[in-house]
Amino acid sequence: MLPDLVPEGGAECDPTGSEDIATETSARVARAGRLRDGGVISLLTLGFTLSLDNFRIAVVLGGHKPTFGRSVKTSLIFALWDGAAPLVGIMVGQYLSERIDSTADLIAAAGLAAYGLFVVIRALVSPEDADPDMRWATRGLPLPLSVDNVAAGASLGLAGYSPWLAPVLFGVITFVMSVAGHQIGRMAAQFIPRIRTDLLTGLAFVAMAFLVVTGTASA
């Protein structure tokens, strides 16, 4: 005869497994409730913080005195990159986050320095504005400035945030902050008409890259 594999008392003899499942389920429900209650506010706060680097860049780019239409187009490109970056981060998860987070500032600094030197050199060799329509800015700056958003997206994915809400919010916030930064920089440039504002723009980018590398500022 085969031995009785079910201990006396049935499943009630070892309630530990059921208690663990119940505890884990309760924790998930509580976390989901917290995300619903304060998730949007947390994302708005994080999106605003991450967009400050784009705002600073936009203020400096305002030295090119872009038209409002060009400002909108450029800001839209930056917003698309900043919206796509957290989506990538949410999908790739912690593995890529741990590797990107430590190098995000260096990548951003390299991009800032490269564009700054490009503008300075062109301003010195040509009497025309170095990047009047900000075409080179939209080609060279969005990617390095979006790296930190990838790491942020990975952290949000691990915390259980929606893969669609954060990218949309981050993109919209970056767009608004970039347009505002362009207008502020453009107005400031009007008060220094005797100086090549594009040259100052390039020097400002090089200075920002130096501050990022030295840890004085974050990108």
C-alpha atoms as a PDB file:
ATOM      1  CA  MET A   1       0.000   0.000   0.000  1.00  0.00           C
ATOM      2  CA  LEU A   2       1.275   3.473  -0.870  1.00  0.00           C
ATOM      3  CA  PRO A   3       1.881   5.780   2.116  1.00  0.00           C
ATOM      4  CA  ASP A   4      -0.524   8.607   2.738  1.00  0.00           C
ATOM      5  CA  LEU A   5       1.107  11.670   1.124  1.00  0.00           C
ATOM      6  CA  VAL A   6      -1.357  14.125   2.642  1.00  0.00           C
ATOM      7  CA  PRO A   7      -0.485  14.885   6.261  1.00  0.00           C
ATOM      8  CA  GLU A   8      -3.104  14.756   8.907  1.00  0.00           C
ATOM      9  CA  GLY A   9      -5.104  17.946   9.013  1.00  0.00           C
ATOM     10  CA  GLY A  10      -4.717  18.512   5.235  1.00  0.00           C
ATOM     11  CA  ALA A  11      -3.500  21.917   4.047  1.00  0.00           C
ATOM     12  CA  GLU A  12      -4.158  23.451   7.455  1.00  0.00           C
ATOM     13  CA  CYS A  13      -1.074  21.830   8.936  1.00  0.00           C
ATOM     14  CA  ASP A  14       1.263  24.367   7.232  1.00  0.00           C
ATOM     15  CA  PRO A  15      -0.367  27.803   6.891  1.00  0.00           C
ATOM     16  CA  THR A  16       2.947  29.586   6.259  1.00  0.00           C
ATOM     17  CA  GLY A  17       2.661  29.398   2.468  1.00  0.00           C
ATOM     18  CA  SER A  18      -0.844  30.833   2.448  1.00  0.00           C
ATOM     19  CA  GLU A  19       0.158  33.616   4.805  1.00  0.00           C
ATOM     20  CA  ASP A  20       3.122  34.565   2.586  1.00  0.00           C
ATOM     21  CA  ILE A  21       0.899  34.712  -0.493  1.00  0.00           C
ATOM     22  CA  ALA A  22      -1.653  36.823   1.345  1.00  0.00           C
ATOM     23  CA  THR A  23       1.066  39.189   2.598  1.00  0.00           C
ATOM     24  CA  GLU A  24       2.583  39.561  -0.870  1.00  0.00           C
ATOM     25  CA  THR A  25      -0.823  40.187  -2.417  1.00  0.00           C
ATOM     26  CA  SER A  26      -1.634  42.826   0.187  1.00  0.00           C
ATOM     27  CA  ALA A  27       1.703  44.544  -0.461  1.00  0.00           C
ATOM     28  CA  ARG A  28       1.031  44.651  -4.202  1.00  0.00           C
ATOM     29  CA  VAL A  29      -2.428  46.074  -3.674  1.00  0.00           C
ATOM     30  CA  ALA A  30      -1.055  48.723  -1.294  1.00  0.00           C
ATOM     31  CA  ARG A  31       1.679  49.685  -3.754  1.00  0.00           C
ATOM     32  CA  ALA A  32      -0.823  49.944  -6.580  1.00  0.00           C
ATOM     33  CA  GLY A  33      -2.946  52.212  -4.421  1.00  0.00           C
ATOM     34  CA  ARG A  34       0.006  54.470  -3.671  1.00  0.00           C
ATOM     35  CA  LEU A  35       0.873  54.690  -7.355  1.00  0.00           C
ATOM     36  CA  ARG A  36      -2.703  55.665  -8.199  1.00  0.00           C
ATOM     37  CA  ASP A  37      -2.863  58.251  -5.430  1.00  0.00           C
ATOM     38  CA  GLY A  38       0.448  60.010  -5.891  1.00  0.00           C
ATOM     39  CA  GLY A  39       1.825  58.632  -9.138  1.00  0.00           C
ATOM     40  CA  VAL A  40       0.955  61.558 -11.388  1.00  0.00           C
ATOM     41  CA  ILE A  41       2.294  64.137  -8.928  1.00  0.00           C
ATOM     42  CA  SER A  42       5.517  62.163  -8.529  1.00  0.00           C
ATOM     43  CA  LEU A  43       5.911  61.876 -12.289  1.00  0.00           C
ATOM     44  CA  LEU A  44       5.275  65.594 -12.766  1.00  0.00           C
ATOM     45  CA  THR A  45       7.898  66.411 -10.158  1.00  0.00           C
ATOM     46  CA  LEU A  46      10.423  64.037 -11.697  1.00  0.00           C
ATOM     47  CA  GLY A  47       9.623  65.261 -15.212  1.00  0.00           C
ATOM     48  CA  PHE A  48      10.137  68.871 -14.174  1.00  0.00           C
ATOM     49  CA  THR A  49      13.457  68.029 -12.520  1.00  0.00           C
ATOM     50  CA  LEU A  50      14.710  66.122 -15.561  1.00  0.00           C
ATOM     51  CA  SER A  51      13.601  68.913 -17.900  1.00  0.00           C
ATOM     52  CA  LEU A  52      15.746  71.524 -16.149  1.00  0.00           C
ATOM     53  CA  ASP A  53      18.762  70.494 -18.220  1.00  0.00           C
ATOM     54  CA  ASN A  54      16.752  71.079 -21.402  1.00  0.00           C
ATOM     55  CA  PHE A  55      15.598  74.418 -20.020  1.00  0.00           C
ATOM     56  CA  ARG A  56      19.177  75.547 -19.400  1.00  0.00           C
ATOM     57  CA  ILE A  57      20.174  74.386 -22.873  1.00  0.00           C
ATOM     58  CA  ALA A  58      17.187  76.173 -24.397  1.00  0.00           C
ATOM     59  CA  VAL A  59      18.091  79.439 -22.662  1.00  0.00           C
ATOM     60  CA  VAL A  60      21.590  79.234 -24.103  1.00  0.00           C
ATOM     61  CA  LEU A  61      20.236  78.293 -27.544  1.00  0.00           C
ATOM     62  CA  GLY A  62      18.114  81.431 -27.353  1.00  0.00           C
ATOM     63  CA  GLY A  63      21.353  83.250 -28.106  1.00  0.00           C
ATOM     64  CA  HIS A  64      20.823  82.181 -31.726  1.00  0.00           C
ATOM     65  CA  LYS A  65      17.657  84.331 -31.649  1.00  0.00           C
ATOM     66  CA  PRO A  66      15.379  81.684 -33.179  1.00  0.00           C
ATOM     67  CA  THR A  67      11.919  82.552 -34.475  1.00  0.00           C
ATOM     68  CA  PHE A  68       8.974  81.244 -32.493  1.00  0.00           C
ATOM     69  CA  GLY A  69       8.214  78.701 -35.218  1.00  0.00           C
ATOM     70  CA  ARG A  70      11.764  77.396 -35.155  1.00  0.00           C
ATOM     71  CA  SER A  71      11.627  77.295 -31.366  1.00  0.00           C
ATOM     72  CA  VAL A  72       8.488  75.143 -31.479  1.00  0.00           C
ATOM     73  CA  LYS A  73       9.995  72.743 -34.027  1.00  0.00           C
ATOM     74  CA  THR A  74      13.248  72.406 -32.098  1.00  0.00           C
ATOM     75  CA  SER A  75      11.433  71.938 -28.793  1.00  0.00           C
ATOM     76  CA  LEU A  76       9.253  69.252 -30.348  1.00  0.00           C
ATOM     77  CA  ILE A  77      12.328  67.273 -31.405  1.00  0.00           C
ATOM     78  CA  PHE A  78      13.819  67.504 -27.914  1.00  0.00           C
ATOM     79  CA  ALA A  79      10.438  66.524 -26.438  1.00  0.00           C
ATOM     80  CA  LEU A  80      10.179  63.431 -28.649  1.00  0.00           C
ATOM     81  CA  TRP A  81      13.612  62.276 -27.515  1.00  0.00           C
ATOM     82  CA  ASP A  82      12.850  62.934 -23.846  1.00  0.00           C
ATOM     83  CA  GLY A  83       9.542  61.090 -24.216  1.00  0.00           C
ATOM     84  CA  ALA A  84      11.029  58.061 -25.956  1.00  0.00           C
ATOM     85  CA  ALA A  85      13.967  57.737 -23.540  1.00  0.00           C
ATOM     86  CA  PRO A  86      11.964  56.717 -20.421  1.00  0.00           C
ATOM     87  CA  LEU A  87       9.946  54.275 -22.532  1.00  0.00           C
ATOM     88  CA  VAL A  88      13.199  52.587 -23.541  1.00  0.00           C
ATOM     89  CA  GLY A  89      14.299  52.610 -19.912  1.00  0.00           C
ATOM     90  CA  ILE A  90      11.059  51.020 -18.722  1.00  0.00           C
ATOM     91  CA  MET A  91      11.445  48.230 -21.290  1.00  0.00           C
ATOM     92  CA  VAL A  92      15.111  47.425 -20.694  1.00  0.00           C
ATOM     93  CA  GLY A  93      14.840  47.563 -16.909  1.00  0.00           C
ATOM     94  CA  GLN A  94      17.456  47.611 -14.214  1.00  0.00           C
ATOM     95  CA  TYR A  95      20.270  46.016 -16.223  1.00  0.00           C
ATOM     96  CA  LEU A  96      20.712  48.971 -18.543  1.00  0.00           C
ATOM     97  CA  SER A  97      19.808  51.491 -15.850  1.00  0.00           C
ATOM     98  CA  GLU A  98      22.770  50.574 -13.640  1.00  0.00           C
ATOM     99  CA  ARG A  99      25.171  50.994 -16.547  1.00  0.00           C
ATOM    100  CA  ILE A 100      23.690  54.142 -18.040  1.00  0.00           C
ATOM    101  CA  ASP A 101      23.180  56.039 -14.800  1.00  0.00           C
ATOM    102  CA  SER A 102      26.901  56.166 -14.030  1.00  0.00           C
ATOM    103  CA  THR A 103      27.825  57.503 -17.476  1.00  0.00           C
ATOM    104  CA  ALA A 104      24.866  59.770 -18.264  1.00  0.00           C
ATOM    105  CA  ASP A 105      26.626  62.966 -17.184  1.00  0.00           C
ATOM    106  CA  LEU A 106      29.774  62.141 -19.155  1.00  0.00           C
ATOM    107  CA  ILE A 107      27.763  61.446 -22.307  1.00  0.00           C
ATOM    108  CA  ALA A 108      25.842  64.687 -21.875  1.00  0.00           C
ATOM    109  CA  ALA A 109      29.051  66.627 -21.246  1.00  0.00           C
ATOM    110  CA  ALA A 110      30.605  65.230 -24.409  1.00  0.00           C
ATOM    111  CA  GLY A 111      27.581  66.308 -26.431  1.00  0.00           C
ATOM    112  CA  LEU A 112      27.557  69.795 -24.916  1.00  0.00           C
ATOM    113  CA  ALA A 113      31.284  70.276 -25.471  1.00  0.00           C
ATOM    114  CA  ALA A 114      31.143  69.033 -29.060  1.00  0.00           C
ATOM    115  CA  TYR A 115      28.304  71.362 -29.999  1.00  0.00           C
ATOM    116  CA  GLY A 116      29.874  74.274 -28.119  1.00  0.00           C
ATOM    117  CA  LEU A 117      33.202  73.897 -29.902  1.00  0.00           C
ATOM    118  CA  PHE A 118      31.411  73.566 -33.226  1.00  0.00           C
ATOM    119  CA  VAL A 119      29.543  76.839 -32.660  1.00  0.00           C
ATOM    120  CA  VAL A 120      32.660  78.670 -31.427  1.00  0.00           C
ATOM    121  CA  ILE A 121      34.738  77.598 -34.426  1.00  0.00           C
ATOM    122  CA  ARG A 122      32.033  78.509 -36.926  1.00  0.00           C
ATOM    123  CA  ALA A 123      31.470  81.863 -35.215  1.00  0.00           C
ATOM    124  CA  LEU A 124      35.180  82.651 -35.450  1.00  0.00           C
ATOM    125  CA  VAL A 125      35.578  81.742 -39.121  1.00  0.00           C
ATOM    126  CA  SER A 126      32.275  83.064 -40.456  1.00  0.00           C
ATOM    127  CA  PRO A 127      30.520  86.420 -39.986  1.00  0.00           C
ATOM    128  CA  GLU A 128      27.135  84.690 -40.174  1.00  0.00           C
ATOM    129  CA  ASP A 129      25.372  83.073 -37.244  1.00  0.00           C
ATOM    130  CA  ALA A 130      26.948  79.703 -36.510  1.00  0.00           C
ATOM    131  CA  ASP A 131      23.665  77.797 -36.233  1.00  0.00           C
ATOM    132  CA  PRO A 132      20.798  80.169 -37.105  1.00  0.00           C
ATOM    133  CA  ASP A 133      18.059  77.561 -37.457  1.00  0.00           C
ATOM    134  CA  MET A 134      19.474  75.345 -34.658  1.00  0.00           C
ATOM    135  CA  ARG A 135      19.713  72.472 -37.129  1.00  0.00           C
ATOM    136  CA  TRP A 136      22.970  71.200 -35.670  1.00  0.00           C
ATOM    137  CA  ALA A 137      21.600  71.536 -32.148  1.00  0.00           C
ATOM    138  CA  THR A 138      18.655  69.285 -32.971  1.00  0.00           C
ATOM    139  CA  ARG A 139      21.018  66.734 -34.522  1.00  0.00           C
ATOM    140  CA  GLY A 140      23.676  66.596 -31.837  1.00  0.00           C
ATOM    141  CA  LEU A 141      22.099  67.458 -28.486  1.00  0.00           C
ATOM    142  CA  PRO A 142      18.842  65.478 -27.949  1.00  0.00           C
ATOM    143  CA  LEU A 143      20.491  62.062 -27.646  1.00  0.00           C
ATOM    144  CA  PRO A 144      23.145  62.873 -24.999  1.00  0.00           C
ATOM    145  CA  LEU A 145      20.624  64.939 -23.041  1.00  0.00           C
ATOM    146  CA  SER A 146      18.116  62.056 -22.988  1.00  0.00           C
ATOM    147  CA  VAL A 147      20.417  59.415 -21.504  1.00  0.00           C
ATOM    148  CA  ASP A 148      19.462  60.247 -17.918  1.00  0.00           C
ATOM    149  CA  ASN A 149      15.793  59.827 -18.887  1.00  0.00           C
ATOM    150  CA  VAL A 150      16.531  56.228 -19.894  1.00  0.00           C
ATOM    151  CA  ALA A 151      17.855  55.488 -16.403  1.00  0.00           C
ATOM    152  CA  ALA A 152      14.858  57.257 -14.841  1.00  0.00           C
ATOM    153  CA  GLY A 153      12.492  55.205 -16.994  1.00  0.00           C
ATOM    154  CA  ALA A 154      14.116  51.966 -15.884  1.00  0.00           C
ATOM    155  CA  SER A 155      13.598  52.914 -12.238  1.00  0.00           C
ATOM    156  CA  LEU A 156       9.969  53.834 -12.927  1.00  0.00           C
ATOM    157  CA  GLY A 157       9.396  50.486 -14.614  1.00  0.00           C
ATOM    158  CA  LEU A 158      10.744  48.617 -11.600  1.00  0.00           C
ATOM    159  CA  ALA A 159       8.436  50.685  -9.374  1.00  0.00           C
ATOM    160  CA  GLY A 160       5.415  49.588 -11.378  1.00  0.00           C
ATOM    161  CA  TYR A 161       4.597  52.772 -13.280  1.00  0.00           C
ATOM    162  CA  SER A 162       2.747  52.664 -16.573  1.00  0.00           C
ATOM    163  CA  PRO A 163       5.026  52.524 -19.636  1.00  0.00           C
ATOM    164  CA  TRP A 164       2.834  55.101 -21.395  1.00  0.00           C
ATOM    165  CA  LEU A 165       2.134  57.777 -18.799  1.00  0.00           C
ATOM    166  CA  ALA A 166       5.725  58.801 -17.989  1.00  0.00           C
ATOM    167  CA  PRO A 167       6.887  59.227 -21.622  1.00  0.00           C
ATOM    168  CA  VAL A 168       3.921  61.469 -22.461  1.00  0.00           C
ATOM    169  CA  LEU A 169       4.326  63.630 -19.351  1.00  0.00           C
ATOM    170  CA  PHE A 170       8.089  63.927 -19.747  1.00  0.00           C
ATOM    171  CA  GLY A 171       7.740  64.872 -23.409  1.00  0.00           C
ATOM    172  CA  VAL A 172       5.133  67.555 -22.742  1.00  0.00           C
ATOM    173  CA  ILE A 173       7.120  69.057 -19.867  1.00  0.00           C
ATOM    174  CA  THR A 174      10.309  69.154 -21.950  1.00  0.00           C
ATOM    175  CA  PHE A 175       8.454  70.842 -24.812  1.00  0.00           C
ATOM    176  CA  VAL A 176       7.034  73.586 -22.581  1.00  0.00           C
ATOM    177  CA  MET A 177      10.318  74.167 -20.758  1.00  0.00           C
ATOM    178  CA  SER A 178      12.290  74.297 -24.025  1.00  0.00           C
ATOM    179  CA  VAL A 179       9.983  76.832 -25.665  1.00  0.00           C
ATOM    180  CA  ALA A 180      10.092  78.972 -22.530  1.00  0.00           C
ATOM    181  CA  GLY A 181      13.887  78.724 -22.385  1.00  0.00           C
ATOM    182  CA  HIS A 182      14.254  79.799 -26.010  1.00  0.00           C
ATOM    183  CA  GLN A 183      12.135  82.887 -25.456  1.00  0.00           C
ATOM    184  CA  ILE A 184      14.027  83.871 -22.303  1.00  0.00           C
ATOM    185  CA  GLY A 185      17.370  83.415 -24.045  1.00  0.00           C
ATOM    186  CA  ARG A 186      16.187  85.322 -27.092  1.00  0.00           C
ATOM    187  CA  MET A 187      15.026  88.271 -24.989  1.00  0.00           C
ATOM    188  CA  ALA A 188      18.301  88.288 -23.067  1.00  0.00           C
ATOM    189  CA  ALA A 189      20.257  88.292 -26.336  1.00  0.00           C
ATOM    190  CA  GLN A 190      18.481  91.466 -27.430  1.00  0.00           C
ATOM    191  CA  PHE A 191      20.283  93.402 -24.693  1.00  0.00           C
ATOM    192  CA  ILE A 192      23.759  92.467 -25.977  1.00  0.00           C
ATOM    193  CA  PRO A 193      23.591  93.388 -29.694  1.00  0.00           C
ATOM    194  CA  ARG A 194      27.263  94.404 -29.980  1.00  0.00           C
ATOM    195  CA  ILE A 195      28.549  90.957 -29.080  1.00  0.00           C
ATOM    196  CA  ARG A 196      28.337  87.838 -31.220  1.00  0.00           C
ATOM    197  CA  THR A 197      25.643  86.007 -29.290  1.00  0.00           C
ATOM    198  CA  ASP A 198      26.312  82.801 -31.200  1.00  0.00           C
ATOM    199  CA  LEU A 199      29.928  82.930 -29.986  1.00  0.00           C
ATOM    200  CA  LEU A 200      28.689  83.423 -26.431  1.00  0.00           C
ATOM    201  CA  THR A 201      26.308  80.499 -26.954  1.00  0.00           C
ATOM    202  CA  GLY A 202      29.174  78.218 -27.963  1.00  0.00           C
ATOM    203  CA  LEU A 203      31.329  79.320 -25.042  1.00  0.00           C
ATOM    204  CA  ALA A 204      28.400  78.780 -22.685  1.00  0.00           C
ATOM    205  CA  PHE A 205      28.001  75.195 -23.914  1.00  0.00           C
ATOM    206  CA  VAL A 206      31.705  74.491 -23.367  1.00  0.00           C
ATOM    207  CA  ALA A 207      31.449  75.976 -19.869  1.00  0.00           C
ATOM    208  CA  MET A 208      28.386  73.849 -19.084  1.00  0.00           C
ATOM    209  CA  ALA A 209      30.226  70.729 -20.230  1.00  0.00           C
ATOM    210  CA  PHE A 210      33.134  71.600 -17.931  1.00  0.00           C
ATOM    211  CA  LEU A 211      30.770  72.082 -14.983  1.00  0.00           C
ATOM    212  CA  VAL A 212      29.131  68.730 -15.647  1.00  0.00           C
ATOM    213  CA  VAL A 213      32.461  66.901 -15.835  1.00  0.00           C
ATOM    214  CA  THR A 214      33.715  68.495 -12.609  1.00  0.00           C
ATOM    215  CA  GLY A 215      30.465  67.668 -10.829  1.00  0.00           C
ATOM    216  CA  THR A 216      29.526  71.301 -10.250  1.00  0.00           C
ATOM    217  CA  ALA A 217      26.359  70.869 -12.292  1.00  0.00           C
ATOM    218  CA  SER A 218      24.364  67.889 -13.547  1.00  0.00           C
ATOM    219  CA  ALA A 219      23.164  67.431 -17.090  1.00  0.00           C
END
